[in-house]
């Protein structure tokens, strides 16, 4: 369960940056994981009711991943140029 604690800590930090919606999305996703995958207590309809929260979380993660990837690429290119000159 330490992964759950680590992910919860990360979600709380992201909540401070992006707003409480992120923390709410994380809680919804974790609840779905627990109730659907482990206990099979949720119906498809129940999952669809909160899916929009998780979709927003995914959009933010994708955006941040893209930013970081571009940043690493730019640093790498700058290092190559610096070595070639």
PDB file of N, CA and C in Angstrom:
ATOM      1  N   UNK A   1       0.813  -1.210   0.000  1.00  0.00           N
ATOM      2  CA  UNK A   1       0.000   0.000   0.000  1.00  0.00           C
ATOM      3  C   UNK A   1       0.850   1.265   0.000  1.00  0.00           C
ATOM      4  N   UNK A   2       2.161   1.134   0.086  1.00  0.00           N
ATOM      5  CA  UNK A   2       2.956   2.349   0.124  1.00  0.00           C
ATOM      6  C   UNK A   2       2.828   3.146  -1.158  1.00  0.00           C
ATOM      7  N   UNK A   3       2.557   2.475  -2.276  1.00  0.00           N
ATOM      8  CA  UNK A   3       2.349   3.203  -3.525  1.00  0.00           C
ATOM      9  C   UNK A   3       1.141   4.116  -3.417  1.00  0.00           C
ATOM     10  N   UNK A   4       0.094   3.640  -2.779  1.00  0.00           N
ATOM     11  CA  UNK A   4      -1.103   4.459  -2.589  1.00  0.00           C
ATOM     12  C   UNK A   4      -0.775   5.712  -1.790  1.00  0.00           C
ATOM     13  N   UNK A   5       0.017   5.556  -0.768  1.00  0.00           N
ATOM     14  CA  UNK A   5       0.404   6.710   0.048  1.00  0.00           C
ATOM     15  C   UNK A   5       1.248   7.688  -0.758  1.00  0.00           C
ATOM     16  N   UNK A   6       2.154   7.162  -1.546  1.00  0.00           N
ATOM     17  CA  UNK A   6       3.006   8.013  -2.373  1.00  0.00           C
ATOM     18  C   UNK A   6       2.183   8.755  -3.421  1.00  0.00           C
ATOM     19  N   UNK A   7       1.273   8.049  -4.064  1.00  0.00           N
ATOM     20  CA  UNK A   7       0.409   8.686  -5.067  1.00  0.00           C
ATOM     21  C   UNK A   7      -0.516   9.716  -4.428  1.00  0.00           C
ATOM     22  N   UNK A   8      -1.013   9.429  -3.238  1.00  0.00           N
ATOM     23  CA  UNK A   8      -1.860  10.384  -2.528  1.00  0.00           C
ATOM     24  C   UNK A   8      -1.073  11.648  -2.192  1.00  0.00           C
ATOM     25  N   UNK A   9       0.156  11.478  -1.764  1.00  0.00           N
ATOM     26  CA  UNK A   9       1.011  12.631  -1.453  1.00  0.00           C
ATOM     27  C   UNK A   9       1.242  13.480  -2.708  1.00  0.00           C
ATOM     28  N   UNK A  10       1.503  12.815  -3.831  1.00  0.00           N
ATOM     29  CA  UNK A  10       1.702  13.535  -5.092  1.00  0.00           C
ATOM     30  C   UNK A  10       0.431  14.268  -5.500  1.00  0.00           C
ATOM     31  N   UNK A  11      -0.717  13.629  -5.330  1.00  0.00           N
ATOM     32  CA  UNK A  11      -1.994  14.266  -5.689  1.00  0.00           C
ATOM     33  C   UNK A  11      -2.238  15.499  -4.836  1.00  0.00           C
ATOM     34  N   UNK A  12      -1.878  15.436  -3.565  1.00  0.00           N
ATOM     35  CA  UNK A  12      -2.049  16.599  -2.681  1.00  0.00           C
ATOM     36  C   UNK A  12      -1.157  17.757  -3.126  1.00  0.00           C
ATOM     37  N   UNK A  13       0.067  17.444  -3.517  1.00  0.00           N
ATOM     38  CA  UNK A  13       0.961  18.490  -4.014  1.00  0.00           C
ATOM     39  C   UNK A  13       0.425  19.104  -5.304  1.00  0.00           C
ATOM     40  N   UNK A  14      -0.059  18.243  -6.205  1.00  0.00           N
ATOM     41  CA  UNK A  14      -0.636  18.747  -7.451  1.00  0.00           C
ATOM     42  C   UNK A  14      -1.882  19.576  -7.175  1.00  0.00           C
ATOM     43  N   UNK A  15      -2.639  19.192  -6.158  1.00  0.00           N
ATOM     44  CA  UNK A  15      -3.826  19.952  -5.774  1.00  0.00           C
ATOM     45  C   UNK A  15      -3.482  21.373  -5.371  1.00  0.00           C
ATOM     46  N   UNK A  16      -2.333  21.558  -4.729  1.00  0.00           N
ATOM     47  CA  UNK A  16      -1.900  22.907  -4.341  1.00  0.00           C
ATOM     48  C   UNK A  16      -1.518  23.735  -5.566  1.00  0.00           C
ATOM     49  N   UNK A  17      -1.029  23.071  -6.602  1.00  0.00           N
ATOM     50  CA  UNK A  17      -0.613  23.770  -7.821  1.00  0.00           C
ATOM     51  C   UNK A  17      -1.802  24.023  -8.742  1.00  0.00           C
ATOM     52  N   UNK A  18      -2.605  22.989  -8.991  1.00  0.00           N
ATOM     53  CA  UNK A  18      -3.666  23.061  -9.995  1.00  0.00           C
ATOM     54  C   UNK A  18      -5.060  23.249  -9.421  1.00  0.00           C
ATOM     55  N   UNK A  19      -5.194  23.142  -8.129  1.00  0.00           N
ATOM     56  CA  UNK A  19      -6.513  23.305  -7.524  1.00  0.00           C
ATOM     57  C   UNK A  19      -7.054  21.993  -6.978  1.00  0.00           C
ATOM     58  N   UNK A  20      -8.053  22.128  -6.160  1.00  0.00           N
ATOM     59  CA  UNK A  20      -8.641  20.978  -5.479  1.00  0.00           C
ATOM     60  C   UNK A  20      -9.269  19.964  -6.434  1.00  0.00           C
ATOM     61  N   UNK A  21      -9.564  20.377  -7.663  1.00  0.00           N
ATOM     62  CA  UNK A  21     -10.158  19.455  -8.623  1.00  0.00           C
ATOM     63  C   UNK A  21      -9.244  18.262  -8.877  1.00  0.00           C
ATOM     64  N   UNK A  22      -7.948  18.516  -8.849  1.00  0.00           N
ATOM     65  CA  UNK A  22      -6.986  17.435  -9.085  1.00  0.00           C
ATOM     66  C   UNK A  22      -7.053  16.416  -7.957  1.00  0.00           C
ATOM     67  N   UNK A  23      -7.097  16.902  -6.734  1.00  0.00           N
ATOM     68  CA  UNK A  23      -7.189  15.998  -5.594  1.00  0.00           C
ATOM     69  C   UNK A  23      -8.500  15.230  -5.634  1.00  0.00           C
ATOM     70  N   UNK A  24      -9.571  15.899  -6.010  1.00  0.00           N
ATOM     71  CA  UNK A  24     -10.871  15.238  -6.134  1.00  0.00           C
ATOM     72  C   UNK A  24     -10.824  14.166  -7.227  1.00  0.00           C
ATOM     73  N   UNK A  25     -10.159  14.468  -8.335  1.00  0.00           N
ATOM     74  CA  UNK A  25     -10.038  13.498  -9.430  1.00  0.00           C
ATOM     75  C   UNK A  25      -9.245  12.283  -8.966  1.00  0.00           C
ATOM     76  N   UNK A  26      -8.165  12.525  -8.234  1.00  0.00           N
ATOM     77  CA  UNK A  26      -7.365  11.404  -7.726  1.00  0.00           C
ATOM     78  C   UNK A  26      -8.204  10.534  -6.800  1.00  0.00           C
ATOM     79  N   UNK A  27      -8.932  11.172  -5.902  1.00  0.00           N
ATOM     80  CA  UNK A  27      -9.753  10.408  -4.958  1.00  0.00           C
ATOM     81  C   UNK A  27     -10.806   9.589  -5.698  1.00  0.00           C
ATOM     82  N   UNK A  28     -11.397  10.175  -6.726  1.00  0.00           N
ATOM     83  CA  UNK A  28     -12.393   9.458  -7.524  1.00  0.00           C
ATOM     84  C   UNK A  28     -11.757   8.260  -8.225  1.00  0.00           C
ATOM     85  N   UNK A  29     -10.601   8.482  -8.846  1.00  0.00           N
ATOM     86  CA  UNK A  29      -9.916   7.393  -9.553  1.00  0.00           C
ATOM     87  C   UNK A  29      -9.540   6.274  -8.588  1.00  0.00           C
ATOM     88  N   UNK A  30      -9.042   6.634  -7.424  1.00  0.00           N
ATOM     89  CA  UNK A  30      -8.641   5.618  -6.456  1.00  0.00           C
ATOM     90  C   UNK A  30      -9.856   4.853  -5.935  1.00  0.00           C
ATOM     91  N   UNK A  31     -10.932   5.589  -5.692  1.00  0.00           N
ATOM     92  CA  UNK A  31     -12.173   4.935  -5.242  1.00  0.00           C
ATOM     93  C   UNK A  31     -12.675   3.963  -6.302  1.00  0.00           C
ATOM     94  N   UNK A  32     -12.639   4.382  -7.555  1.00  0.00           N
ATOM     95  CA  UNK A  32     -13.068   3.500  -8.643  1.00  0.00           C
ATOM     96  C   UNK A  32     -12.193   2.260  -8.695  1.00  0.00           C
ATOM     97  N   UNK A  33     -10.910   2.470  -8.541  1.00  0.00           N
ATOM     98  CA  UNK A  33      -9.985   1.337  -8.567  1.00  0.00           C
ATOM     99  C   UNK A  33     -10.319   0.352  -7.450  1.00  0.00           C
ATOM    100  N   UNK A  34     -10.512   0.872  -6.265  1.00  0.00           N
ATOM    101  CA  UNK A  34     -10.800   0.009  -5.132  1.00  0.00           C
ATOM    102  C   UNK A  34     -12.142  -0.709  -5.284  1.00  0.00           C
ATOM    103  N   UNK A  35     -13.177   0.048  -5.580  1.00  0.00           N
ATOM    104  CA  UNK A  35     -14.517  -0.529  -5.605  1.00  0.00           C
ATOM    105  C   UNK A  35     -14.791  -1.365  -6.850  1.00  0.00           C
ATOM    106  N   UNK A  36     -14.242  -0.975  -7.969  1.00  0.00           N
ATOM    107  CA  UNK A  36     -14.534  -1.695  -9.211  1.00  0.00           C
ATOM    108  C   UNK A  36     -13.599  -2.880  -9.405  1.00  0.00           C
ATOM    109  N   UNK A  37     -12.323  -2.619  -9.303  1.00  0.00           N
ATOM    110  CA  UNK A  37     -11.372  -3.666  -9.644  1.00  0.00           C
ATOM    111  C   UNK A  37     -11.163  -4.675  -8.512  1.00  0.00           C
ATOM    112  N   UNK A  38     -11.243  -4.213  -7.283  1.00  0.00           N
ATOM    113  CA  UNK A  38     -10.995  -5.124  -6.173  1.00  0.00           C
ATOM    114  C   UNK A  38     -12.271  -5.719  -5.592  1.00  0.00           C
ATOM    115  N   UNK A  39     -13.316  -4.923  -5.570  1.00  0.00           N
ATOM    116  CA  UNK A  39     -14.532  -5.391  -4.908  1.00  0.00           C
ATOM    117  C   UNK A  39     -15.716  -5.568  -5.851  1.00  0.00           C
ATOM    118  N   UNK A  40     -15.555  -5.126  -7.087  1.00  0.00           N
ATOM    119  CA  UNK A  40     -16.605  -5.229  -8.103  1.00  0.00           C
ATOM    120  C   UNK A  40     -17.937  -4.683  -7.604  1.00  0.00           C
ATOM    121  N   UNK A  41     -17.890  -3.476  -7.003  1.00  0.00           N
ATOM    122  CA  UNK A  41     -19.089  -2.869  -6.445  1.00  0.00           C
ATOM    123  C   UNK A  41     -19.693  -1.768  -7.319  1.00  0.00           C
ATOM    124  N   UNK A  42     -19.004  -1.290  -8.326  1.00  0.00           N
ATOM    125  CA  UNK A  42     -19.504  -0.193  -9.143  1.00  0.00           C
ATOM    126  C   UNK A  42     -20.029  -0.693 -10.484  1.00  0.00           C
ATOM    127  N   UNK A  43     -21.071  -0.059 -10.930  1.00  0.00           N
ATOM    128  CA  UNK A  43     -21.601  -0.347 -12.260  1.00  0.00           C
ATOM    129  C   UNK A  43     -20.944   0.598 -13.264  1.00  0.00           C
ATOM    130  N   UNK A  44     -21.093   0.300 -14.525  1.00  0.00           N
ATOM    131  CA  UNK A  44     -20.561   1.178 -15.575  1.00  0.00           C
ATOM    132  C   UNK A  44     -21.188   2.563 -15.483  1.00  0.00           C
ATOM    133  N   UNK A  45     -22.463   2.622 -15.168  1.00  0.00           N
ATOM    134  CA  UNK A  45     -23.154   3.902 -15.050  1.00  0.00           C
ATOM    135  C   UNK A  45     -22.569   4.743 -13.920  1.00  0.00           C
ATOM    136  N   UNK A  46     -22.264   4.110 -12.811  1.00  0.00           N
ATOM    137  CA  UNK A  46     -21.671   4.829 -11.685  1.00  0.00           C
ATOM    138  C   UNK A  46     -20.294   5.363 -12.036  1.00  0.00           C
ATOM    139  N   UNK A  47     -19.549   4.601 -12.784  1.00  0.00           N
ATOM    140  CA  UNK A  47     -18.219   5.043 -13.187  1.00  0.00           C
ATOM    141  C   UNK A  47     -18.321   6.226 -14.139  1.00  0.00           C
ATOM    142  N   UNK A  48     -19.241   6.172 -15.077  1.00  0.00           N
ATOM    143  CA  UNK A  48     -19.399   7.265 -16.043  1.00  0.00           C
ATOM    144  C   UNK A  48     -19.787   8.576 -15.375  1.00  0.00           C
ATOM    145  N   UNK A  49     -20.451   8.519 -14.237  1.00  0.00           N
ATOM    146  CA  UNK A  49     -20.855   9.741 -13.535  1.00  0.00           C
ATOM    147  C   UNK A  49     -19.660  10.592 -13.125  1.00  0.00           C
ATOM    148  N   UNK A  50     -18.553   9.990 -12.787  1.00  0.00           N
ATOM    149  CA  UNK A  50     -17.391  10.743 -12.337  1.00  0.00           C
ATOM    150  C   UNK A  50     -16.214  10.704 -13.278  1.00  0.00           C
ATOM    151  N   UNK A  51     -16.397  10.105 -14.433  1.00  0.00           N
ATOM    152  CA  UNK A  51     -15.282   9.946 -15.376  1.00  0.00           C
ATOM    153  C   UNK A  51     -14.703  11.281 -15.828  1.00  0.00           C
ATOM    154  N   UNK A  52     -15.520  12.316 -15.906  1.00  0.00           N
ATOM    155  CA  UNK A  52     -15.028  13.625 -16.357  1.00  0.00           C
ATOM    156  C   UNK A  52     -13.926  14.147 -15.435  1.00  0.00           C
ATOM    157  N   UNK A  53     -14.002  13.816 -14.155  1.00  0.00           N
ATOM    158  CA  UNK A  53     -12.976  14.262 -13.212  1.00  0.00           C
ATOM    159  C   UNK A  53     -11.634  13.626 -13.567  1.00  0.00           C
ATOM    160  N   UNK A  54     -11.660  12.371 -13.872  1.00  0.00           N
ATOM    161  CA  UNK A  54     -10.439  11.640 -14.181  1.00  0.00           C
ATOM    162  C   UNK A  54      -9.888  12.082 -15.534  1.00  0.00           C
ATOM    163  N   UNK A  55     -10.758  12.397 -16.470  1.00  0.00           N
ATOM    164  CA  UNK A  55     -10.314  12.877 -17.779  1.00  0.00           C
ATOM    165  C   UNK A  55      -9.515  14.175 -17.628  1.00  0.00           C
ATOM    166  N   UNK A  56      -9.945  15.060 -16.754  1.00  0.00           N
ATOM    167  CA  UNK A  56      -9.221  16.314 -16.529  1.00  0.00           C
ATOM    168  C   UNK A  56      -7.845  16.026 -15.933  1.00  0.00           C
ATOM    169  N   UNK A  57      -7.779  15.101 -15.024  1.00  0.00           N
ATOM    170  CA  UNK A  57      -6.498  14.712 -14.430  1.00  0.00           C
ATOM    171  C   UNK A  57      -5.560  14.185 -15.515  1.00  0.00           C
ATOM    172  N   UNK A  58      -6.072  13.369 -16.395  1.00  0.00           N
ATOM    173  CA  UNK A  58      -5.260  12.818 -17.486  1.00  0.00           C
ATOM    174  C   UNK A  58      -4.759  13.939 -18.399  1.00  0.00           C
ATOM    175  N   UNK A  59      -5.620  14.905 -18.716  1.00  0.00           N
ATOM    176  CA  UNK A  59      -5.204  16.031 -19.570  1.00  0.00           C
ATOM    177  C   UNK A  59      -4.045  16.802 -18.934  1.00  0.00           C
ATOM    178  N   UNK A  60      -4.141  17.038 -17.644  1.00  0.00           N
ATOM    179  CA  UNK A  60      -3.080  17.780 -16.962  1.00  0.00           C
ATOM    180  C   UNK A  60      -1.783  16.986 -16.953  1.00  0.00           C
ATOM    181  N   UNK A  61      -1.860  15.712 -16.674  1.00  0.00           N
ATOM    182  CA  UNK A  61      -0.657  14.871 -16.660  1.00  0.00           C
ATOM    183  C   UNK A  61      -0.027  14.833 -18.047  1.00  0.00           C
ATOM    184  N   UNK A  62      -0.848  14.683 -19.082  1.00  0.00           N
ATOM    185  CA  UNK A  62      -0.309  14.671 -20.443  1.00  0.00           C
ATOM    186  C   UNK A  62       0.361  15.996 -20.781  1.00  0.00           C
ATOM    187  N   UNK A  63      -0.255  17.102 -20.395  1.00  0.00           N
ATOM    188  CA  UNK A  63       0.298  18.423 -20.660  1.00  0.00           C
ATOM    189  C   UNK A  63       1.637  18.609 -19.956  1.00  0.00           C
ATOM    190  N   UNK A  64       1.705  18.219 -18.695  1.00  0.00           N
ATOM    191  CA  UNK A  64       2.943  18.348 -17.931  1.00  0.00           C
ATOM    192  C   UNK A  64       4.030  17.439 -18.495  1.00  0.00           C
ATOM    193  N   UNK A  65       3.654  16.255 -18.902  1.00  0.00           N
ATOM    194  CA  UNK A  65       4.622  15.326 -19.482  1.00  0.00           C
ATOM    195  C   UNK A  65       5.194  15.905 -20.769  1.00  0.00           C
ATOM    196  N   UNK A  66       4.341  16.488 -21.578  1.00  0.00           N
ATOM    197  CA  UNK A  66       4.793  17.094 -22.831  1.00  0.00           C
ATOM    198  C   UNK A  66       5.736  18.267 -22.562  1.00  0.00           C
ATOM    199  N   UNK A  67       5.383  19.111 -21.585  1.00  0.00           N
ATOM    200  CA  UNK A  67       6.241  20.247 -21.241  1.00  0.00           C
ATOM    201  C   UNK A  67       7.616  19.772 -20.797  1.00  0.00           C
ATOM    202  N   UNK A  68       7.633  18.774 -19.933  1.00  0.00           N
ATOM    203  CA  UNK A  68       8.910  18.274 -19.418  1.00  0.00           C
ATOM    204  C   UNK A  68       9.726  17.616 -20.523  1.00  0.00           C
ATOM    205  N   UNK A  69       9.062  16.922 -21.429  1.00  0.00           N
ATOM    206  CA  UNK A  69       9.754  16.277 -22.525  1.00  0.00           C
ATOM    207  C   UNK A  69      10.391  17.328 -23.435  1.00  0.00           C
ATOM    208  N   UNK A  70       9.653  18.380 -23.735  1.00  0.00           N
ATOM    209  CA  UNK A  70      10.187  19.450 -24.576  1.00  0.00           C
ATOM    210  C   UNK A  70      11.353  20.141 -23.889  1.00  0.00           C
ATOM    211  N   UNK A  71      11.217  20.342 -22.579  1.00  0.00           N
ATOM    212  CA  UNK A  71      12.278  20.990 -21.819  1.00  0.00           C
ATOM    213  C   UNK A  71      13.557  20.161 -21.841  1.00  0.00           C
ATOM    214  N   UNK A  72      13.422  18.849 -21.654  1.00  0.00           N
ATOM    215  CA  UNK A  72      14.600  17.965 -21.704  1.00  0.00           C
ATOM    216  C   UNK A  72      15.209  17.968 -23.102  1.00  0.00           C
ATOM    217  N   UNK A  73      14.355  17.969 -24.123  1.00  0.00           N
ATOM    218  CA  UNK A  73      14.838  17.963 -25.500  1.00  0.00           C
ATOM    219  C   UNK A  73      15.610  19.254 -25.789  1.00  0.00           C
ATOM    220  N   UNK A  74      15.076  20.376 -25.340  1.00  0.00           N
ATOM    221  CA  UNK A  74      15.727  21.671 -25.557  1.00  0.00           C
ATOM    222  C   UNK A  74      17.073  21.715 -24.853  1.00  0.00           C
ATOM    223  N   UNK A  75      17.127  21.242 -23.612  1.00  0.00           N
ATOM    224  CA  UNK A  75      18.398  21.214 -22.874  1.00  0.00           C
ATOM    225  C   UNK A  75      19.408  20.335 -23.593  1.00  0.00           C
ATOM    226  N   UNK A  76      18.938  19.185 -24.067  1.00  0.00           N
ATOM    227  CA  UNK A  76      19.827  18.264 -24.771  1.00  0.00           C
ATOM    228  C   UNK A  76      20.371  18.902 -26.041  1.00  0.00           C
ATOM    229  N   UNK A  77      19.504  19.567 -26.787  1.00  0.00           N
ATOM    230  CA  UNK A  77      19.931  20.229 -28.024  1.00  0.00           C
ATOM    231  C   UNK A  77      20.920  21.357 -27.725  1.00  0.00           C
ATOM    232  N   UNK A  78      20.660  22.123 -26.669  1.00  0.00           N
ATOM    233  CA  UNK A  78      21.564  23.208 -26.296  1.00  0.00           C
ATOM    234  C   UNK A  78      22.934  22.667 -25.888  1.00  0.00           C
ATOM    235  N   UNK A  79      22.945  21.540 -25.202  1.00  0.00           N
ATOM    236  CA  UNK A  79      24.207  20.927 -24.809  1.00  0.00           C
ATOM    237  C   UNK A  79      24.975  20.460 -26.036  1.00  0.00           C
ATOM    238  N   UNK A  80      24.279  19.882 -26.996  1.00  0.00           N
ATOM    239  CA  UNK A  80      24.938  19.421 -28.219  1.00  0.00           C
ATOM    240  C   UNK A  80      25.531  20.612 -28.984  1.00  0.00           C
ATOM    241  N   UNK A  81      24.763  21.694 -29.067  1.00  0.00           N
ATOM    242  CA  UNK A  81      25.246  22.886 -29.777  1.00  0.00           C
ATOM    243  C   UNK A  81      26.451  23.472 -29.068  1.00  0.00           C
ATOM    244  N   UNK A  82      26.411  23.501 -27.790  1.00  0.00           N
ATOM    245  CA  UNK A  82      27.530  24.035 -27.010  1.00  0.00           C
ATOM    246  C   UNK A  82      28.788  23.240 -27.209  1.00  0.00           C
ATOM    247  N   UNK A  83      28.665  21.941 -27.368  1.00  0.00           N
ATOM    248  CA  UNK A  83      29.833  21.090 -27.547  1.00  0.00           C
ATOM    249  C   UNK A  83      30.385  21.190 -28.967  1.00  0.00           C
ATOM    250  N   UNK A  84      29.484  21.479 -29.925  1.00  0.00           N
ATOM    251  CA  UNK A  84      29.916  21.532 -31.316  1.00  0.00           C
ATOM    252  C   UNK A  84      30.615  22.840 -31.654  1.00  0.00           C
ATOM    253  N   UNK A  85      30.311  23.897 -30.921  1.00  0.00           N
ATOM    254  CA  UNK A  85      30.861  25.218 -31.251  1.00  0.00           C
ATOM    255  C   UNK A  85      32.268  25.383 -30.779  1.00  0.00           C
TER     256      UNK A  85
END
